[in-house]
Protein backbone atom coordinates (compact mmCIF):
# COMPACT_ATOMS: atom_id res chain seq x y z
CA MET A 1 53.18 63.67 123.11
CA LYS A 2 56.88 64.42 122.68
CA LYS A 3 59.14 64.22 125.70
CA GLU A 4 61.48 67.21 126.11
CA LYS A 5 65.15 66.68 126.89
CA GLY A 6 66.47 68.03 130.16
CA SER A 7 64.63 68.99 133.28
CA ARG A 8 62.79 72.20 133.91
CA THR A 9 65.20 73.05 136.74
CA TRP A 10 68.23 72.70 134.45
CA LYS A 11 66.62 75.03 131.88
CA VAL A 12 65.98 77.68 134.54
CA ILE A 13 69.54 77.42 135.88
CA THR A 14 71.10 77.65 132.41
CA SER A 15 68.94 80.63 131.49
CA ILE A 16 70.02 82.46 134.67
CA PHE A 17 73.68 81.41 134.60
CA ASN A 18 74.39 81.70 130.88
CA VAL A 19 78.19 81.70 131.03
CA ARG A 20 78.48 81.33 127.26
CA ALA A 21 76.67 84.64 126.75
CA TRP A 22 78.57 86.34 129.59
CA ILE A 23 81.97 85.68 128.02
CA ASP A 24 80.57 86.33 124.52
CA TYR A 25 81.83 82.99 123.28
CA ASP A 26 80.49 83.40 119.74
CA ARG A 27 82.29 86.72 119.20
CA ILE A 28 85.55 85.37 120.66
CA LYS A 29 85.32 82.32 118.40
CA ALA A 30 84.66 84.51 115.33
CA ALA A 31 87.59 86.80 116.20
CA TRP A 32 89.98 83.87 116.59
CA LEU A 33 88.82 82.38 113.28
CA TYR A 34 89.46 85.76 111.63
CA ILE A 35 92.97 85.94 113.11
CA LYS A 36 93.70 82.32 112.19
CA ASN A 37 92.57 82.80 108.59
CA GLY A 38 94.60 86.02 108.36
CA ILE A 39 97.73 84.22 109.53
CA LYS A 40 97.07 81.44 107.01
CA LYS A 41 96.85 84.00 104.21
CA LEU A 42 100.15 85.54 105.31
CA PHE A 43 102.19 82.36 105.51
CA ILE A 44 100.57 79.94 103.06
CA PRO A 45 101.19 80.78 99.39
CA GLN A 46 97.97 81.72 97.65
CA LYS A 47 97.02 80.71 94.12
CA LYS A 48 97.45 83.49 91.59
CA VAL A 49 94.23 85.05 90.41
CA LYS A 50 93.96 85.24 86.65
CA LYS A 51 94.07 88.86 85.48
CA ALA A 52 91.24 90.13 83.35
CA ASP A 53 92.05 91.16 79.80
CA PHE A 54 91.00 94.70 78.85
CA ASN A 55 89.53 93.72 75.48
CA ARG A 56 87.55 90.85 77.01
CA VAL A 57 86.10 93.13 79.69
CA VAL A 58 85.18 95.73 77.05
CA GLU A 59 83.34 93.04 75.09
CA GLU A 60 81.56 91.74 78.20
CA MET A 61 80.37 95.25 79.09
CA ASN A 62 79.37 96.01 75.49
CA LEU A 63 81.43 99.21 75.38
CA THR A 64 82.25 100.94 72.13
CA GLU A 65 85.34 103.01 71.38
CA LYS A 66 83.19 106.13 71.72
CA ASP A 67 82.09 105.04 75.21
CA LEU A 68 85.69 104.46 76.25
CA ILE A 69 86.80 107.87 75.01
CA SER A 70 83.91 109.63 76.77
CA ARG A 71 84.65 107.81 80.04
CA GLN A 72 88.34 108.57 79.67
CA LYS A 73 87.61 112.30 79.27
CA ALA A 74 85.16 112.28 82.17
CA LEU A 75 87.66 110.57 84.48
CA LYS A 76 90.37 113.06 83.54
CA ARG A 77 88.03 115.98 84.26
CA LEU A 78 87.04 114.42 87.58
CA SER A 79 90.65 113.92 88.64
CA ILE A 80 91.54 117.53 87.75
CA PHE A 81 88.44 118.77 89.57
CA MET A 82 89.34 116.78 92.70
CA VAL A 83 92.89 118.23 92.67
CA ILE A 84 91.39 121.73 92.46
CA VAL A 85 89.02 120.91 95.33
CA ALA A 86 91.95 119.54 97.35
CA PHE A 87 93.90 122.76 96.74
CA GLY A 88 90.90 124.81 97.87
CA ILE A 89 90.57 122.74 101.03
CA PHE A 90 94.33 123.11 101.62
CA THR A 91 94.04 126.90 101.49
CA TYR A 92 91.05 126.67 103.84
CA ALA A 93 93.20 124.58 106.21
CA GLY A 94 95.89 127.29 106.00
CA TYR A 95 93.29 129.89 106.95
CA HIS A 96 92.31 127.83 109.99
CA LEU A 97 95.96 127.33 110.91
CA PHE A 98 96.65 131.06 110.91
CA SER A 99 93.46 131.81 112.82
CA GLY A 100 94.48 129.30 115.49
CA ASN A 101 91.88 126.58 114.96
CA ILE A 102 94.04 123.48 115.14
CA ARG A 103 91.12 121.03 115.17
CA ALA A 104 89.57 122.61 112.11
CA THR A 105 92.97 122.52 110.42
CA VAL A 106 93.31 118.79 111.08
CA VAL A 107 89.79 118.09 109.84
CA SER A 108 90.43 120.16 106.71
CA LEU A 109 93.66 118.30 106.03
CA VAL A 110 91.88 114.95 106.40
CA VAL A 111 89.18 116.06 103.94
CA MET A 112 91.95 117.26 101.59
CA LEU A 113 93.55 113.81 101.74
CA ILE A 114 90.20 112.23 100.88
CA ALA A 115 89.92 114.55 97.85
CA LEU A 116 93.46 113.64 96.77
CA THR A 117 92.64 109.95 97.16
CA LEU A 118 89.64 110.37 94.88
CA ALA A 119 91.81 112.30 92.40
CA PHE A 120 94.28 109.41 92.38
CA ARG A 121 91.50 106.87 91.88
CA TYR A 122 89.99 108.73 88.92
CA HIS A 123 93.36 109.39 87.30
CA PHE A 124 94.37 105.74 87.75
CA TRP A 125 91.18 104.60 86.02
CA TYR A 126 91.83 107.17 83.28
CA PHE A 127 95.35 105.80 82.87
CA GLN A 128 94.11 102.21 82.58
CA ILE A 129 91.61 103.15 79.88
CA LYS A 130 94.24 105.23 78.07
CA GLU A 131 96.77 102.38 78.13
CA ARG A 132 94.08 99.75 77.39
CA LYS A 133 95.47 97.62 80.19
CA LEU A 134 93.88 96.38 83.40
CA GLY A 135 95.95 95.69 86.48
CA CYS A 136 98.49 98.48 86.06
CA THR A 137 100.89 98.90 88.95
CA PHE A 138 101.38 102.04 90.98
CA ARG A 139 104.89 102.36 89.54
CA GLU A 140 103.56 102.24 85.96
CA TRP A 141 100.96 104.87 86.77
CA PHE A 142 103.50 107.12 88.47
CA ARG A 143 106.17 106.88 85.79
CA GLN A 144 104.04 106.85 82.65
CA GLY A 145 100.76 108.42 83.72
CA LEU A 146 102.01 111.16 86.02
CA MET A 147 105.65 111.81 85.04
CA GLY A 148 105.09 111.18 81.32
CA GLU A 149 107.88 108.66 80.70
CA LYS A 150 107.65 106.50 77.61
CA GLU A 151 107.70 102.72 77.90
């Protein structure tokens, strides 16, 4: 027969007066670790992550030129569609503004921003496929993809 550690009285007292659970020690410890690791990432230089090459990724995903062109067209259509949806939601927000529904106006504007975010995402992906380059910057996308500047 195995002898248990601790007395029965101590187990009853610790189950009633569980200070560790009262102060939620585990959650506090996890939060402090999260903050500590965040501060480390801010102040300690991180190693650069190697960027993926477009051609290598295309080979890994077994994509053909035809697949790339079809995805490029689909992403362009999606981005245009999301801009049209955002414009529709913007006019709907204007309707609510003139009818005096401020809350509905705010909600409509938030949904419009979500639609514009999706339009940006799809157009950015379209731009990366068009340029055959992964890891494009926002500045490259804005100048070349949106404003039409040449390199």
